[in-house]
Amino acid sequence: MQQQSASDPEYSQIVLWLDFYSQLLTPRTREVLELHYNEDMSLSEIAEHLSISRQGVHDKIKQGLVHLAEYEQLLGLSTRYVAQKKQIENALIALDASEPQIARDILSQLHETL
């Protein structure tokens, strides 16, 4: 198993990037990434399924991750989504704690960003 470096994106982050940006990838790169991250197929399984080499699959994954990271850097859609989701979560926590004004303030801030 390959060790992750500090700059490598987390699995859940990659899945989010695929949700937001997969249509911007080439069809083959998108297919390889979706099989690997969404279908949980190994590199060998993907290689056999697509009739390409395991190295070819590895290269497509690396290439795709670079492109996804670039799209996120430029557009920031998944970062924004995660931040907005956290704001909603905090508003719900405030409501559960009987603090409607805090929830209202959080939701007002969220509304301003949309």
N, C-alpha and C. Protein backbone atom coordinates (compact mmCIF):
# COMPACT_ATOMS: atom_id res chain seq x y z
N MET A 1 0.84 -1.18 0.00
CA MET A 1 0.00 0.00 0.00
C MET A 1 0.88 1.24 0.00
N GLN A 2 0.49 2.23 -0.82
CA GLN A 2 1.26 3.45 -0.95
C GLN A 2 0.96 4.38 0.21
N GLN A 3 2.00 4.97 0.78
CA GLN A 3 1.82 5.88 1.90
C GLN A 3 1.42 7.25 1.38
N GLN A 4 0.48 7.88 2.09
CA GLN A 4 0.00 9.19 1.71
C GLN A 4 0.91 10.26 2.25
N SER A 5 1.21 11.26 1.42
CA SER A 5 1.98 12.40 1.92
C SER A 5 1.01 13.43 2.47
N ALA A 6 1.54 14.41 3.19
CA ALA A 6 0.70 15.42 3.81
C ALA A 6 -0.08 16.22 2.78
N SER A 7 0.43 16.33 1.55
CA SER A 7 -0.25 17.11 0.53
C SER A 7 -1.27 16.29 -0.26
N ASP A 8 -1.30 14.98 -0.06
CA ASP A 8 -2.26 14.14 -0.77
C ASP A 8 -3.66 14.38 -0.23
N PRO A 9 -4.65 14.47 -1.12
CA PRO A 9 -6.02 14.65 -0.65
C PRO A 9 -6.55 13.39 0.01
N GLU A 10 -7.47 13.57 0.92
CA GLU A 10 -8.11 12.44 1.59
C GLU A 10 -9.11 11.79 0.65
N TYR A 11 -9.43 10.54 0.91
CA TYR A 11 -10.37 9.79 0.08
C TYR A 11 -11.70 10.53 -0.05
N SER A 12 -12.26 10.98 1.07
CA SER A 12 -13.56 11.66 1.03
C SER A 12 -13.48 12.96 0.24
N GLN A 13 -12.34 13.61 0.29
CA GLN A 13 -12.15 14.85 -0.48
C GLN A 13 -12.14 14.54 -1.98
N ILE A 14 -11.49 13.46 -2.36
CA ILE A 14 -11.44 13.06 -3.76
C ILE A 14 -12.84 12.73 -4.27
N VAL A 15 -13.62 12.03 -3.47
CA VAL A 15 -14.98 11.68 -3.87
C VAL A 15 -15.81 12.95 -4.08
N LEU A 16 -15.64 13.94 -3.22
CA LEU A 16 -16.34 15.21 -3.40
C LEU A 16 -15.88 15.91 -4.68
N TRP A 17 -14.58 15.92 -4.89
CA TRP A 17 -14.05 16.53 -6.12
C TRP A 17 -14.65 15.86 -7.35
N LEU A 18 -14.78 14.54 -7.30
CA LEU A 18 -15.39 13.83 -8.42
C LEU A 18 -16.84 14.26 -8.62
N ASP A 19 -17.56 14.44 -7.52
CA ASP A 19 -18.95 14.90 -7.63
C ASP A 19 -19.03 16.25 -8.32
N PHE A 20 -18.12 17.14 -7.99
CA PHE A 20 -18.17 18.49 -8.54
C PHE A 20 -17.52 18.62 -9.91
N TYR A 21 -16.44 17.92 -10.15
CA TYR A 21 -15.62 18.22 -11.32
C TYR A 21 -15.44 17.06 -12.32
N SER A 22 -16.03 15.92 -12.10
CA SER A 22 -15.75 14.77 -12.97
C SER A 22 -16.08 15.04 -14.43
N GLN A 23 -17.09 15.85 -14.68
CA GLN A 23 -17.47 16.14 -16.07
C GLN A 23 -16.42 16.98 -16.80
N LEU A 24 -15.48 17.56 -16.08
CA LEU A 24 -14.41 18.34 -16.69
C LEU A 24 -13.22 17.48 -17.11
N LEU A 25 -13.23 16.22 -16.69
CA LEU A 25 -12.15 15.29 -17.03
C LEU A 25 -12.43 14.62 -18.37
N THR A 26 -11.39 14.03 -18.95
CA THR A 26 -11.62 13.23 -20.16
C THR A 26 -12.46 12.02 -19.77
N PRO A 27 -13.21 11.48 -20.72
CA PRO A 27 -14.05 10.32 -20.40
C PRO A 27 -13.28 9.15 -19.78
N ARG A 28 -12.08 8.86 -20.30
CA ARG A 28 -11.30 7.73 -19.79
C ARG A 28 -10.81 7.99 -18.36
N THR A 29 -10.31 9.19 -18.13
CA THR A 29 -9.83 9.54 -16.79
C THR A 29 -10.98 9.50 -15.80
N ARG A 30 -12.13 10.05 -16.18
CA ARG A 30 -13.32 10.03 -15.32
C ARG A 30 -13.71 8.60 -15.00
N GLU A 31 -13.73 7.74 -16.02
CA GLU A 31 -14.11 6.35 -15.82
C GLU A 31 -13.17 5.64 -14.84
N VAL A 32 -11.87 5.83 -15.02
CA VAL A 32 -10.89 5.20 -14.14
C VAL A 32 -11.07 5.68 -12.70
N LEU A 33 -11.20 6.99 -12.52
CA LEU A 33 -11.37 7.53 -11.15
C LEU A 33 -12.67 7.06 -10.52
N GLU A 34 -13.74 7.04 -11.29
CA GLU A 34 -15.02 6.59 -10.73
C GLU A 34 -14.99 5.12 -10.36
N LEU A 35 -14.35 4.31 -11.20
CA LEU A 35 -14.23 2.89 -10.85
C LEU A 35 -13.40 2.70 -9.58
N HIS A 36 -12.34 3.47 -9.46
CA HIS A 36 -11.45 3.32 -8.30
C HIS A 36 -12.08 3.88 -7.02
N TYR A 37 -12.60 5.10 -7.09
CA TYR A 37 -13.09 5.76 -5.87
C TYR A 37 -14.56 5.52 -5.56
N ASN A 38 -15.39 5.40 -6.58
CA ASN A 38 -16.82 5.19 -6.33
C ASN A 38 -17.21 3.72 -6.30
N GLU A 39 -16.53 2.92 -7.11
CA GLU A 39 -16.85 1.48 -7.18
C GLU A 39 -15.87 0.64 -6.37
N ASP A 40 -14.85 1.28 -5.81
CA ASP A 40 -13.86 0.62 -4.95
C ASP A 40 -13.13 -0.53 -5.65
N MET A 41 -12.86 -0.35 -6.95
CA MET A 41 -12.13 -1.37 -7.69
C MET A 41 -10.63 -1.13 -7.55
N SER A 42 -9.87 -2.20 -7.49
CA SER A 42 -8.41 -2.10 -7.41
C SER A 42 -7.85 -1.72 -8.78
N LEU A 43 -6.59 -1.33 -8.79
CA LEU A 43 -5.94 -0.99 -10.06
C LEU A 43 -5.94 -2.19 -10.99
N SER A 44 -5.69 -3.37 -10.47
CA SER A 44 -5.69 -4.59 -11.29
C SER A 44 -7.07 -4.87 -11.86
N GLU A 45 -8.08 -4.71 -11.05
CA GLU A 45 -9.46 -4.94 -11.53
C GLU A 45 -9.83 -3.95 -12.64
N ILE A 46 -9.45 -2.69 -12.45
CA ILE A 46 -9.74 -1.67 -13.46
C ILE A 46 -8.98 -1.98 -14.74
N ALA A 47 -7.72 -2.35 -14.60
CA ALA A 47 -6.89 -2.67 -15.77
C ALA A 47 -7.53 -3.80 -16.57
N GLU A 48 -7.97 -4.83 -15.88
CA GLU A 48 -8.61 -5.95 -16.56
C GLU A 48 -9.93 -5.52 -17.21
N HIS A 49 -10.72 -4.76 -16.47
CA HIS A 49 -12.03 -4.30 -16.96
C HIS A 49 -11.90 -3.43 -18.21
N LEU A 50 -10.88 -2.58 -18.25
CA LEU A 50 -10.71 -1.65 -19.37
C LEU A 50 -9.69 -2.11 -20.41
N SER A 51 -9.13 -3.28 -20.16
CA SER A 51 -8.11 -3.84 -21.06
C SER A 51 -6.93 -2.88 -21.27
N ILE A 52 -6.43 -2.35 -20.16
CA ILE A 52 -5.23 -1.53 -20.18
C ILE A 52 -4.30 -2.04 -19.10
N SER A 53 -3.08 -1.54 -19.08
CA SER A 53 -2.12 -2.01 -18.09
C SER A 53 -2.42 -1.40 -16.72
N ARG A 54 -1.94 -2.08 -15.70
CA ARG A 54 -2.06 -1.57 -14.34
C ARG A 54 -1.35 -0.22 -14.23
N GLN A 55 -0.21 -0.10 -14.90
CA GLN A 55 0.53 1.17 -14.90
C GLN A 55 -0.29 2.28 -15.56
N GLY A 56 -1.00 1.91 -16.62
CA GLY A 56 -1.87 2.88 -17.29
C GLY A 56 -2.97 3.38 -16.37
N VAL A 57 -3.53 2.48 -15.57
CA VAL A 57 -4.54 2.87 -14.59
C VAL A 57 -3.92 3.80 -13.55
N HIS A 58 -2.77 3.42 -13.05
CA HIS A 58 -2.07 4.25 -12.05
C HIS A 58 -1.82 5.65 -12.60
N ASP A 59 -1.34 5.73 -13.84
CA ASP A 59 -1.05 7.03 -14.45
C ASP A 59 -2.31 7.86 -14.61
N LYS A 60 -3.42 7.23 -15.02
CA LYS A 60 -4.70 7.96 -15.17
C LYS A 60 -5.19 8.49 -13.83
N ILE A 61 -5.01 7.70 -12.78
CA ILE A 61 -5.44 8.15 -11.45
C ILE A 61 -4.60 9.35 -11.02
N LYS A 62 -3.29 9.25 -11.17
CA LYS A 62 -2.42 10.38 -10.78
C LYS A 62 -2.76 11.63 -11.58
N GLN A 63 -2.90 11.45 -12.88
CA GLN A 63 -3.24 12.57 -13.77
C GLN A 63 -4.59 13.18 -13.39
N GLY A 64 -5.56 12.33 -13.14
CA GLY A 64 -6.90 12.80 -12.77
C GLY A 64 -6.90 13.56 -11.46
N LEU A 65 -6.14 13.08 -10.49
CA LEU A 65 -6.07 13.76 -9.19
C LEU A 65 -5.43 15.14 -9.32
N VAL A 66 -4.43 15.24 -10.18
CA VAL A 66 -3.80 16.55 -10.42
C VAL A 66 -4.84 17.51 -11.00
N HIS A 67 -5.60 17.05 -11.97
CA HIS A 67 -6.62 17.91 -12.59
C HIS A 67 -7.71 18.29 -11.59
N LEU A 68 -8.16 17.32 -10.81
CA LEU A 68 -9.21 17.61 -9.81
C LEU A 68 -8.71 18.64 -8.80
N ALA A 69 -7.48 18.50 -8.35
CA ALA A 69 -6.91 19.46 -7.39
C ALA A 69 -6.81 20.85 -8.02
N GLU A 70 -6.44 20.90 -9.30
CA GLU A 70 -6.37 22.19 -9.99
C GLU A 70 -7.75 22.84 -10.09
N TYR A 71 -8.76 22.06 -10.42
CA TYR A 71 -10.13 22.60 -10.50
C TYR A 71 -10.58 23.12 -9.15
N GLU A 72 -10.27 22.36 -8.10
CA GLU A 72 -10.66 22.81 -6.76
C GLU A 72 -9.92 24.08 -6.38
N GLN A 73 -8.65 24.15 -6.73
CA GLN A 73 -7.85 25.34 -6.45
C GLN A 73 -8.46 26.57 -7.14
N LEU A 74 -8.88 26.39 -8.37
CA LEU A 74 -9.44 27.50 -9.15
C LEU A 74 -10.87 27.85 -8.75
N LEU A 75 -11.69 26.85 -8.51
CA LEU A 75 -13.12 27.07 -8.31
C LEU A 75 -13.58 26.98 -6.85
N GLY A 76 -12.95 26.11 -6.07
CA GLY A 76 -13.26 25.99 -4.65
C GLY A 76 -14.66 25.52 -4.31
N LEU A 77 -15.30 24.78 -5.21
CA LEU A 77 -16.68 24.37 -4.97
C LEU A 77 -16.83 23.40 -3.80
N SER A 78 -15.94 22.43 -3.70
CA SER A 78 -16.10 21.46 -2.60
C SER A 78 -15.75 22.10 -1.26
N THR A 79 -14.78 23.00 -1.24
CA THR A 79 -14.45 23.71 0.01
C THR A 79 -15.64 24.54 0.47
N ARG A 80 -16.26 25.21 -0.47
CA ARG A 80 -17.44 26.03 -0.15
C ARG A 80 -18.59 25.14 0.34
N TYR A 81 -18.80 24.03 -0.32
CA TYR A 81 -19.85 23.10 0.07
C TYR A 81 -19.66 22.61 1.51
N VAL A 82 -18.43 22.20 1.82
CA VAL A 82 -18.14 21.70 3.18
C VAL A 82 -18.36 22.79 4.22
N ALA A 83 -17.94 24.01 3.92
CA ALA A 83 -18.13 25.13 4.85
C ALA A 83 -19.61 25.42 5.06
N GLN A 84 -20.39 25.40 3.99
CA GLN A 84 -21.82 25.67 4.11
C GLN A 84 -22.52 24.55 4.88
N LYS A 85 -22.11 23.33 4.64
CA LYS A 85 -22.68 22.20 5.37
C LYS A 85 -22.39 22.33 6.87
N LYS A 86 -21.19 22.78 7.21
CA LYS A 86 -20.82 22.98 8.62
C LYS A 86 -21.66 24.09 9.24
N GLN A 87 -21.92 25.16 8.49
CA GLN A 87 -22.77 26.24 9.00
C GLN A 87 -24.17 25.73 9.30
N ILE A 88 -24.72 24.94 8.41
CA ILE A 88 -26.05 24.38 8.63
C ILE A 88 -26.05 23.48 9.87
N GLU A 89 -25.01 22.67 10.00
CA GLU A 89 -24.88 21.80 11.17
C GLU A 89 -24.84 22.64 12.46
N ASN A 90 -24.08 23.73 12.45
CA ASN A 90 -23.99 24.60 13.62
C ASN A 90 -25.33 25.27 13.93
N ALA A 91 -26.07 25.63 12.90
CA ALA A 91 -27.40 26.22 13.11
C ALA A 91 -28.34 25.21 13.75
N LEU A 92 -28.28 23.97 13.30
CA LEU A 92 -29.11 22.92 13.89
C LEU A 92 -28.74 22.66 15.35
N ILE A 93 -27.45 22.69 15.64
CA ILE A 93 -26.99 22.52 17.02
C ILE A 93 -27.52 23.65 17.90
N ALA A 94 -27.47 24.87 17.37
CA ALA A 94 -27.98 26.02 18.12
C ALA A 94 -29.48 25.88 18.36
N LEU A 95 -30.21 25.41 17.39
CA LEU A 95 -31.66 25.21 17.58
C LEU A 95 -31.93 24.14 18.63
N ASP A 96 -31.16 23.06 18.57
CA ASP A 96 -31.32 21.99 19.58
C ASP A 96 -30.99 22.49 20.98
N ALA A 97 -30.10 23.48 21.06
CA ALA A 97 -29.71 24.04 22.36
C ALA A 97 -30.62 25.21 22.75
N SER A 98 -31.72 25.35 22.04
CA SER A 98 -32.69 26.44 22.31
C SER A 98 -32.03 27.81 22.22
N GLU A 99 -31.23 27.99 21.20
CA GLU A 99 -30.57 29.27 20.94
C GLU A 99 -30.94 29.73 19.53
N PRO A 100 -32.23 30.13 19.36
CA PRO A 100 -32.69 30.47 18.01
C PRO A 100 -31.98 31.69 17.40
N GLN A 101 -31.56 32.63 18.23
CA GLN A 101 -30.88 33.82 17.69
C GLN A 101 -29.53 33.45 17.07
N ILE A 102 -28.81 32.55 17.73
CA ILE A 102 -27.53 32.09 17.17
C ILE A 102 -27.78 31.37 15.84
N ALA A 103 -28.80 30.51 15.82
CA ALA A 103 -29.14 29.80 14.59
C ALA A 103 -29.52 30.79 13.49
N ARG A 104 -30.29 31.80 13.84
CA ARG A 104 -30.70 32.82 12.87
C ARG A 104 -29.48 33.56 12.32
N ASP A 105 -28.55 33.91 13.19
CA ASP A 105 -27.34 34.62 12.76
C ASP A 105 -26.52 33.75 11.79
N ILE A 106 -26.37 32.48 12.12
CA ILE A 106 -25.62 31.57 11.27
C ILE A 106 -26.29 31.44 9.91
N LEU A 107 -27.62 31.27 9.93
CA LEU A 107 -28.34 31.13 8.67
C LEU A 107 -28.33 32.42 7.86
N SER A 108 -28.34 33.55 8.52
CA SER A 108 -28.23 34.83 7.81
C SER A 108 -26.87 34.96 7.12
N GLN A 109 -25.82 34.56 7.82
CA GLN A 109 -24.48 34.58 7.21
C GLN A 109 -24.44 33.65 5.99
N LEU A 110 -25.02 32.50 6.15
CA LEU A 110 -25.05 31.54 5.04
C LEU A 110 -25.83 32.12 3.86
N HIS A 111 -26.96 32.73 4.14
CA HIS A 111 -27.78 33.31 3.10
C HIS A 111 -27.02 34.38 2.33
N GLU A 112 -26.23 35.17 3.01
CA GLU A 112 -25.44 36.22 2.37
C GLU A 112 -24.39 35.68 1.42
N THR A 113 -23.89 34.46 1.68
CA THR A 113 -22.87 33.88 0.82
C THR A 113 -23.44 33.23 -0.42
N LEU A 114 -24.75 33.02 -0.42
CA LEU A 114 -25.39 32.35 -1.60
C LEU A 114 -25.77 33.33 -2.66
